[in-house]
Amino acid sequence: MASTLSEWTSKNITILTCDGRLITGTLLGYDQLQNLILSKSYEMVYSIDVPPEKVELGLSVVRGDNVAVVGEKEEEGGEEEGDVRAEPIGAIVQNVT
């Protein structure tokens, strides 16, 4: 994944965290543990009953052990974030047996 992250430096990415948060921002940097540094970041909080809420975070660090999925964000032409209503994403649960 490190080679992909280097290609995404200075681009907008979206991160789904293991605790179900959806964070978008500009990738400034990362390290060998996949800790991600984002600028101009925000979190989208979804609900079925009300339109999504955009929570501004600014400069933020997402710990690598909390990253579930990373992807490059579409610039234009995608579905508007303000039009989506959905149940919140639940946390990832590991079943240890």
Protein backbone atom coordinates (compact mmCIF):
# COMPACT_ATOMS: atom_id res chain seq x y z
CA MET A 1 0.00 0.00 0.00
CA ALA A 2 2.94 2.36 0.57
CA SER A 3 3.51 2.77 -3.17
CA THR A 4 -0.15 3.72 -3.64
CA LEU A 5 0.01 6.19 -0.76
CA SER A 6 3.00 7.92 -2.36
CA GLU A 7 0.93 8.37 -5.53
CA TRP A 8 -1.89 9.94 -3.49
CA THR A 9 0.27 12.50 -1.67
CA SER A 10 -1.29 15.98 -2.11
CA LYS A 11 -4.53 14.42 -3.42
CA ASN A 12 -7.94 14.16 -1.76
CA ILE A 13 -8.54 10.79 -0.14
CA THR A 14 -11.33 9.24 1.91
CA ILE A 15 -10.62 6.97 4.86
CA LEU A 16 -13.00 4.50 6.48
CA THR A 17 -11.76 3.85 10.00
CA CYS A 18 -12.18 0.68 12.03
CA ASP A 19 -14.57 2.53 14.34
CA GLY A 20 -16.86 3.45 11.41
CA ARG A 21 -15.84 7.07 10.77
CA LEU A 22 -15.62 8.43 7.21
CA ILE A 23 -12.87 11.06 7.00
CA THR A 24 -11.89 12.99 3.86
CA GLY A 25 -8.92 15.32 3.38
CA THR A 26 -5.73 16.05 1.49
CA LEU A 27 -2.98 13.51 2.18
CA LEU A 28 0.11 15.37 3.40
CA GLY A 29 2.16 12.38 4.48
CA TYR A 30 2.34 8.93 6.03
CA ASP A 31 4.83 6.65 7.78
CA GLN A 32 5.75 2.96 7.83
CA LEU A 33 2.85 2.22 10.22
CA GLN A 34 0.37 3.83 7.80
CA ASN A 35 -0.34 6.73 10.14
CA LEU A 36 -1.89 9.29 7.79
CA ILE A 37 -1.58 13.08 8.03
CA LEU A 38 -4.45 15.01 6.42
CA SER A 39 -5.02 18.70 5.85
CA LYS A 40 -8.40 20.36 5.25
CA SER A 41 -10.02 17.22 6.61
CA TYR A 42 -13.63 16.68 7.55
CA GLU A 43 -15.82 13.84 8.77
CA MET A 44 -19.18 12.99 7.24
CA VAL A 45 -21.71 11.79 9.83
CA TYR A 46 -24.64 9.95 8.25
CA SER A 47 -28.15 9.31 9.55
CA ILE A 48 -31.37 7.96 8.09
CA ASP A 49 -33.50 10.72 9.59
CA VAL A 50 -31.51 13.86 8.78
CA PRO A 51 -29.14 14.99 6.03
CA PRO A 52 -25.47 14.16 6.62
CA GLU A 53 -23.46 16.46 8.85
CA LYS A 54 -20.04 17.69 7.71
CA VAL A 55 -17.76 18.13 10.73
CA GLU A 56 -14.64 20.18 9.94
CA LEU A 57 -11.48 18.65 11.46
CA GLY A 58 -8.71 20.70 9.81
CA LEU A 59 -5.22 19.20 10.21
CA SER A 60 -5.52 15.66 11.56
CA VAL A 61 -3.64 12.40 12.05
CA VAL A 62 -5.36 9.03 11.58
CA ARG A 63 -3.55 6.17 13.28
CA GLY A 64 -2.57 3.38 10.93
CA ASP A 65 -4.05 0.66 13.15
CA ASN A 66 -7.43 2.41 12.85
CA VAL A 67 -7.44 2.55 9.01
CA ALA A 68 -9.75 0.00 7.38
CA VAL A 69 -10.01 1.38 3.81
CA VAL A 70 -8.29 4.23 1.94
CA GLY A 71 -9.30 5.48 -1.49
CA GLU A 72 -8.82 8.47 -3.74
CA LYS A 73 -11.84 10.79 -3.66
CA GLU A 74 -13.61 11.66 -6.90
CA GLU A 75 -13.20 15.32 -7.73
CA GLU A 76 -16.41 15.95 -9.67
CA GLY A 77 -19.32 14.05 -11.11
CA GLY A 78 -19.93 11.80 -8.12
CA GLU A 79 -23.02 11.66 -5.98
CA GLU A 80 -23.39 14.71 -3.77
CA GLU A 81 -22.58 13.99 -0.12
CA GLY A 82 -25.47 16.19 1.01
CA ASP A 83 -28.04 14.01 -0.78
CA VAL A 84 -27.13 10.71 0.88
CA ARG A 85 -29.04 9.28 3.84
CA ALA A 86 -27.86 6.06 5.42
CA GLU A 87 -27.43 4.26 8.67
CA PRO A 88 -24.12 5.01 10.39
CA ILE A 89 -21.36 2.52 9.61
CA GLY A 90 -20.69 0.28 12.59
CA ALA A 91 -17.30 -0.51 14.05
CA ILE A 92 -15.26 -3.42 12.75
CA VAL A 93 -15.35 -6.25 15.27
CA GLN A 94 -12.74 -8.97 15.41
CA ASN A 95 -13.89 -12.34 16.65
CA VAL A 96 -11.00 -13.94 18.47
CA THR A 97 -11.48 -17.60 19.22
